[in-house]
């Protein structure tokens, strides 16, 4: 999002915020809303009667997806100004964090991947903690991490796991801790 676009979002949100007064509307935040999982999640939440969906993606959502949401924002989870504005506008009770750079892209831009996949997640965790303190209730934080985002712990674990595919689950021993990891 450019500085101009961010300023426009902030100006619009200040206007909407002042119309609402002090009380913030309850909202469910979905990041990475434009992806395959985001599309399915928003459709399922809407079908279940949820009308409080606030969606963020780095690209504009299509008209059909936007119609299922209360509000949509084009932005990056690394943009703390955007997240701060959302925090001031809404009482966020749930966060579905789906935004990430996948491994095929991260090989070429590892610093950017770390910024989005780790830094962006921490920005959202901070937002959830701030919201919980603000309204005195826990905020549900759903983070369906995947091996495609973070990879396996080390080369030996990767070799033991073999080829990872979407069609067959894998079970890998997590080192000497004795834990099993289904992937």
Protein backbone atom coordinates (compact mmCIF):
# COMPACT_ATOMS: atom_id res chain seq x y z
CA UNK A 1 0.00 0.00 0.00
CA UNK A 2 1.39 3.39 -0.92
CA UNK A 3 1.62 6.24 1.56
CA UNK A 4 -1.26 7.96 -0.25
CA UNK A 5 -3.44 4.85 -0.04
CA UNK A 6 -2.60 4.44 3.66
CA UNK A 7 -3.51 8.10 4.28
CA UNK A 8 -6.81 7.63 2.46
CA UNK A 9 -7.62 4.52 4.54
CA UNK A 10 -6.78 6.39 7.72
CA UNK A 11 -8.87 9.41 6.75
CA UNK A 12 -11.84 7.18 5.87
CA UNK A 13 -11.47 5.21 9.08
CA UNK A 14 -11.29 8.39 11.19
CA UNK A 15 -14.52 9.56 9.59
CA UNK A 16 -16.20 6.19 10.17
CA UNK A 17 -14.82 6.04 13.71
CA UNK A 18 -16.19 9.47 14.62
CA UNK A 19 -19.61 8.46 13.27
CA UNK A 20 -19.61 5.44 15.59
CA UNK A 21 -18.61 7.47 18.63
CA UNK A 22 -16.68 5.92 21.50
CA UNK A 23 -18.09 2.41 21.19
CA UNK A 24 -16.25 0.22 18.70
CA UNK A 25 -18.04 -2.39 16.62
CA UNK A 26 -17.22 -6.04 17.33
CA UNK A 27 -15.22 -7.57 14.49
CA UNK A 28 -13.51 -10.74 13.31
CA UNK A 29 -10.24 -10.04 11.51
CA UNK A 30 -9.14 -12.28 8.62
CA UNK A 31 -5.65 -11.70 7.20
CA UNK A 32 -4.61 -13.23 3.88
CA UNK A 33 -8.27 -13.04 2.91
CA UNK A 34 -7.56 -13.20 -0.82
CA UNK A 35 -5.95 -16.64 -0.71
CA UNK A 36 -7.65 -19.98 -1.23
CA UNK A 37 -8.09 -20.65 2.50
CA UNK A 38 -9.20 -17.07 3.10
CA UNK A 39 -11.90 -17.34 0.44
CA UNK A 40 -13.22 -20.56 1.98
CA UNK A 41 -13.07 -19.23 5.54
CA UNK A 42 -14.90 -16.01 4.74
CA UNK A 43 -17.61 -17.93 2.86
CA UNK A 44 -18.02 -20.36 5.78
CA UNK A 45 -18.12 -17.61 8.41
CA UNK A 46 -20.66 -15.66 6.37
CA UNK A 47 -22.79 -18.78 5.78
CA UNK A 48 -22.77 -19.31 9.56
CA UNK A 49 -24.32 -15.87 9.97
CA UNK A 50 -21.19 -13.87 10.73
CA UNK A 51 -21.59 -10.32 9.50
CA UNK A 52 -18.62 -8.87 11.44
CA UNK A 53 -15.79 -9.88 9.10
CA UNK A 54 -12.97 -7.40 8.51
CA UNK A 55 -10.62 -8.69 5.80
CA UNK A 56 -7.06 -7.69 4.91
CA UNK A 57 -5.01 -8.75 1.91
CA UNK A 58 -2.20 -7.21 -0.11
CA UNK A 59 -4.51 -7.21 -3.13
CA UNK A 60 -8.11 -6.03 -3.41
CA UNK A 61 -10.65 -8.79 -2.90
CA UNK A 62 -13.03 -9.58 -5.71
CA UNK A 63 -16.57 -8.19 -5.52
CA UNK A 64 -18.06 -11.51 -4.40
CA UNK A 65 -15.67 -11.75 -1.43
CA UNK A 66 -16.08 -8.09 -0.50
CA UNK A 67 -19.85 -8.59 -0.35
CA UNK A 68 -19.37 -11.19 2.41
CA UNK A 69 -17.38 -8.81 4.61
CA UNK A 70 -18.28 -5.78 6.70
CA UNK A 71 -15.09 -4.06 5.51
CA UNK A 72 -12.07 -4.98 3.41
CA UNK A 73 -8.65 -3.37 3.38
CA UNK A 74 -5.77 -3.56 0.95
CA UNK A 75 -2.74 -3.64 3.18
CA UNK A 76 0.14 -5.53 4.68
CA UNK A 77 0.26 -7.06 8.16
CA UNK A 78 3.68 -5.43 8.55
CA UNK A 79 2.01 -1.98 8.37
CA UNK A 80 1.60 -1.14 12.04
CA UNK A 81 -0.23 2.10 11.19
CA UNK A 82 -2.98 0.14 9.41
CA UNK A 83 -3.25 -2.38 12.25
CA UNK A 84 -3.35 0.46 14.77
CA UNK A 85 -6.18 2.10 12.89
CA UNK A 86 -8.15 -1.17 12.83
CA UNK A 87 -7.52 -1.56 16.55
CA UNK A 88 -8.94 1.91 17.20
CA UNK A 89 -11.97 1.32 14.97
CA UNK A 90 -13.03 -2.17 16.03
CA UNK A 91 -13.29 -4.38 19.07
CA UNK A 92 -11.58 -7.37 17.51
CA UNK A 93 -12.67 -10.59 19.20
CA UNK A 94 -11.18 -13.11 16.77
CA UNK A 95 -8.17 -13.11 14.46
CA UNK A 96 -7.75 -15.65 11.67
CA UNK A 97 -4.17 -15.13 10.55
CA UNK A 98 -3.72 -16.62 7.07
CA UNK A 99 -1.32 -14.09 5.53
CA UNK A 100 2.14 -15.44 4.69
CA UNK A 101 4.76 -15.73 2.00
CA UNK A 102 5.01 -19.34 0.88
CA UNK A 103 8.26 -21.25 0.57
CA UNK A 104 8.48 -21.02 -3.22
CA UNK A 105 8.81 -17.25 -2.95
CA UNK A 106 10.75 -17.09 0.30
CA UNK A 107 13.77 -18.75 -1.26
CA UNK A 108 14.28 -15.61 -3.34
CA UNK A 109 13.47 -13.00 -0.66
CA UNK A 110 14.28 -14.53 2.74
CA UNK A 111 14.40 -11.20 4.61
CA UNK A 112 10.99 -10.19 3.29
CA UNK A 113 9.62 -13.61 4.17
CA UNK A 114 10.91 -13.28 7.73
CA UNK A 115 9.42 -9.80 7.98
CA UNK A 116 5.97 -11.01 6.86
CA UNK A 117 5.88 -14.53 8.32
CA UNK A 118 7.43 -13.69 11.69
CA UNK A 119 7.23 -9.92 12.11
CA UNK A 120 3.68 -9.71 10.75
CA UNK A 121 2.55 -12.52 13.05
CA UNK A 122 4.00 -10.68 16.06
CA UNK A 123 2.22 -7.49 14.98
CA UNK A 124 -1.06 -9.42 15.00
CA UNK A 125 -0.29 -11.06 18.35
CA UNK A 126 0.35 -7.59 19.79
CA UNK A 127 -2.93 -6.38 18.33
CA UNK A 128 -4.78 -9.34 19.89
CA UNK A 129 -3.12 -8.77 23.29
CA UNK A 130 -3.95 -5.05 23.17
CA UNK A 131 -7.55 -5.82 22.22
CA UNK A 132 -7.89 -8.36 25.05
CA UNK A 133 -6.64 -5.77 27.56
CA UNK A 134 -8.90 -3.12 26.05
CA UNK A 135 -12.16 -5.03 26.28
CA UNK A 136 -11.28 -7.37 29.14
CA UNK A 137 -11.88 -10.60 27.22
CA UNK A 138 -9.67 -13.11 25.49
CA UNK A 139 -9.21 -12.74 21.76
CA UNK A 140 -9.32 -15.97 19.81
CA UNK A 141 -6.22 -16.16 17.61
CA UNK A 142 -6.25 -18.83 14.91
CA UNK A 143 -2.95 -19.38 13.15
CA UNK A 144 -3.05 -22.38 10.81
CA UNK A 145 0.68 -22.43 10.13
CA UNK A 146 1.89 -24.74 7.43
CA UNK A 147 5.08 -26.44 6.46
CA UNK A 148 4.86 -24.48 3.20
CA UNK A 149 5.49 -21.31 5.21
CA UNK A 150 8.05 -22.36 7.78
CA UNK A 151 9.57 -25.58 6.51
CA UNK A 152 10.92 -28.37 8.66
CA UNK A 153 13.26 -27.90 11.60
CA UNK A 154 16.44 -29.10 9.91
CA UNK A 155 17.83 -31.00 6.93
CA UNK A 156 17.81 -34.38 8.72
CA UNK A 157 14.11 -34.03 9.56
CA UNK A 158 13.40 -33.02 5.97
CA UNK A 159 15.21 -36.08 4.62
CA UNK A 160 13.30 -38.39 7.01
CA UNK A 161 9.98 -36.85 5.95
CA UNK A 162 10.62 -37.37 2.25
CA UNK A 163 8.54 -35.63 -0.35
CA UNK A 164 5.77 -33.56 1.18
CA UNK A 165 2.51 -33.49 -0.72
CA UNK A 166 -0.98 -32.25 -0.03
CA UNK A 167 -2.51 -35.66 -0.65
CA UNK A 168 -0.77 -37.79 1.92
CA UNK A 169 -0.08 -36.84 5.52
CA UNK A 170 3.37 -37.42 6.98
CA UNK A 171 4.39 -38.20 10.51
CA UNK A 172 7.84 -37.11 11.60
CA UNK A 173 9.52 -37.65 14.95
CA UNK A 174 10.55 -34.27 16.33
CA UNK A 175 14.09 -35.08 17.39
CA UNK A 176 14.84 -36.40 20.84
CA UNK A 177 11.80 -34.73 22.39
CA UNK A 178 9.66 -37.71 21.45
CA UNK A 179 6.90 -35.54 20.02
CA UNK A 180 5.27 -36.44 16.75
CA UNK A 181 4.44 -33.94 14.10
CA UNK A 182 1.79 -34.73 11.52
CA UNK A 183 2.51 -32.91 8.31
